[in-house]
Amino acid sequence: MKAIQQIITDLSQQEGFGTVVLTDDSGLPLAISANREEAEALAAVVTDILRSSAGIGRRLGWGEMNEIMLLSDDAQRGVLCRRFRSGEQNLVLALFIQPQYVYWKATTQAIQKIKQAWSFSSAGK
């Protein structure tokens, strides 16, 4: 888990990103960046966001949604949740973003690194 914690910390320090948390699909924080209070608040809304997106996906006939972004009224802040699987585990990378910055490449790279570290740590059990 130490490697995953470092990935989360590194992502949170990139320009355009704020607090980052890795959760399971129930919102349980598995790794958080430095701001514990914000990370816990973010983790607490993950299940609400996933539940809402599941309903939207069903209504549109799209199935499960794997990326959900919410923007503040002034479009200066956002919440991004990216759902993914690593082995048998459903995980969510949730973070505060500044939407004017490109996030896709950095979060995709972080997810790939998390998957690698997760499979490595699972193999050691």
Protein backbone atom coordinates (compact mmCIF):
# COMPACT_ATOMS: atom_id res chain seq x y z
CA MET A 1 0.00 0.00 0.00
CA LYS A 2 2.99 2.30 0.45
CA ALA A 3 3.50 2.48 -3.33
CA ILE A 4 -0.18 3.35 -3.86
CA GLN A 5 0.02 6.05 -1.20
CA GLN A 6 2.97 7.58 -3.05
CA ILE A 7 1.05 7.55 -6.35
CA ILE A 8 -1.83 9.40 -4.67
CA THR A 9 0.52 11.93 -3.09
CA ASP A 10 2.36 12.52 -6.38
CA LEU A 11 -0.90 13.08 -8.27
CA SER A 12 -2.15 15.59 -5.69
CA GLN A 13 1.02 17.66 -6.14
CA GLN A 14 0.59 18.09 -9.89
CA GLU A 15 -0.69 21.42 -11.17
CA GLY A 16 -4.47 21.53 -11.39
CA PHE A 17 -5.06 18.83 -8.78
CA GLY A 18 -6.01 19.16 -5.14
CA THR A 19 -6.97 16.53 -2.62
CA VAL A 20 -6.89 12.96 -3.97
CA VAL A 21 -8.37 9.84 -2.45
CA LEU A 22 -8.47 6.21 -3.57
CA THR A 23 -11.55 4.40 -2.28
CA ASP A 24 -13.33 1.14 -2.76
CA ASP A 25 -16.81 1.41 -4.30
CA SER A 26 -18.38 1.82 -0.85
CA GLY A 27 -16.35 5.00 -0.31
CA LEU A 28 -13.91 3.49 2.18
CA PRO A 29 -10.65 5.48 1.86
CA LEU A 30 -7.69 3.25 1.00
CA ALA A 31 -5.13 6.00 0.36
CA ILE A 32 -5.39 9.77 0.74
CA SER A 33 -3.31 12.81 -0.03
CA ALA A 34 -2.14 15.19 2.68
CA ASN A 35 -5.38 17.04 3.49
CA ARG A 36 -7.12 14.43 5.64
CA GLU A 37 -10.27 16.48 6.32
CA GLU A 38 -10.89 17.20 2.62
CA ALA A 39 -10.04 13.60 1.68
CA GLU A 40 -12.56 12.21 4.16
CA ALA A 41 -15.23 14.61 2.88
CA LEU A 42 -14.46 13.59 -0.69
CA ALA A 43 -14.55 9.88 0.16
CA ALA A 44 -17.90 10.38 1.89
CA VAL A 45 -19.53 11.62 -1.33
CA VAL A 46 -18.12 8.89 -3.58
CA THR A 47 -21.03 6.52 -2.92
CA ASP A 48 -23.55 9.32 -3.63
CA ILE A 49 -21.81 10.14 -6.90
CA LEU A 50 -21.63 6.47 -7.94
CA ARG A 51 -25.30 5.89 -7.05
CA SER A 52 -26.38 8.95 -9.07
CA SER A 53 -24.23 8.01 -12.04
CA ALA A 54 -25.59 4.44 -12.00
CA GLY A 55 -29.13 5.80 -12.26
CA ILE A 56 -28.14 8.15 -15.06
CA GLY A 57 -26.37 5.34 -16.93
CA ARG A 58 -29.45 3.12 -16.65
CA ARG A 59 -31.79 5.88 -17.76
CA LEU A 60 -29.65 6.61 -20.83
CA GLY A 61 -29.13 2.93 -21.56
CA TRP A 62 -25.35 3.32 -21.27
CA GLY A 63 -24.73 0.91 -18.42
CA GLU A 64 -22.17 1.78 -15.76
CA MET A 65 -20.40 5.11 -15.99
CA ASN A 66 -16.69 5.00 -15.22
CA GLU A 67 -15.97 8.73 -15.09
CA ILE A 68 -18.05 11.39 -13.41
CA MET A 69 -17.17 15.08 -13.06
CA LEU A 70 -19.04 17.71 -11.10
CA LEU A 71 -18.20 21.39 -11.56
CA SER A 72 -18.82 24.30 -9.22
CA ASP A 73 -21.15 27.05 -10.39
CA ASP A 74 -18.18 29.28 -11.29
CA ALA A 75 -16.43 26.37 -13.10
CA GLN A 76 -13.25 27.01 -11.11
CA ARG A 77 -13.42 23.83 -9.02
CA GLY A 78 -14.53 20.31 -9.71
CA VAL A 79 -14.81 16.83 -8.33
CA LEU A 80 -13.69 13.99 -10.56
CA CYS A 81 -14.40 10.32 -9.87
CA ARG A 82 -12.89 7.62 -12.08
CA ARG A 83 -14.04 4.09 -11.37
CA PHE A 84 -11.88 1.11 -12.35
CA ARG A 85 -11.13 -2.49 -11.46
CA SER A 86 -7.88 -3.92 -10.27
CA GLY A 87 -8.09 -7.69 -10.13
CA GLU A 88 -11.31 -8.44 -8.27
CA GLN A 89 -11.45 -5.05 -6.52
CA ASN A 90 -13.63 -2.15 -7.62
CA LEU A 91 -11.77 1.09 -6.96
CA VAL A 92 -12.48 4.80 -7.35
CA LEU A 93 -9.93 7.55 -7.84
CA ALA A 94 -11.64 10.70 -6.56
CA LEU A 95 -10.06 14.12 -6.61
CA PHE A 96 -10.60 17.84 -6.52
CA ILE A 97 -9.55 19.41 -9.80
CA GLN A 98 -9.25 22.80 -11.40
CA PRO A 99 -11.14 22.09 -14.64
CA GLN A 100 -9.03 24.42 -16.78
CA TYR A 101 -6.15 21.93 -16.46
CA VAL A 102 -5.98 18.71 -18.45
CA TYR A 103 -6.55 15.78 -16.12
CA TRP A 104 -7.07 12.75 -18.38
CA LYS A 105 -3.43 11.81 -19.00
CA ALA A 106 -2.30 12.24 -15.39
CA THR A 107 -5.24 10.32 -13.91
CA THR A 108 -4.94 7.55 -16.50
CA GLN A 109 -1.25 7.16 -15.68
CA ALA A 110 -2.02 7.13 -11.95
CA ILE A 111 -4.70 4.46 -12.45
CA GLN A 112 -2.27 2.28 -14.43
CA LYS A 113 0.36 2.63 -11.68
CA ILE A 114 -2.25 1.83 -9.01
CA LYS A 115 -3.29 -1.31 -10.91
CA GLN A 116 0.33 -2.43 -11.12
CA ALA A 117 0.98 -1.76 -7.44
CA TRP A 118 -2.32 -3.38 -6.46
CA SER A 119 -1.59 -6.56 -8.38
CA PHE A 120 1.91 -6.64 -6.93
CA SER A 121 0.64 -6.22 -3.36
CA SER A 122 -2.14 -8.80 -3.93
CA ALA A 123 0.37 -11.31 -5.26
CA GLY A 124 2.41 -10.96 -2.07
CA LYS A 125 -0.48 -11.99 0.16
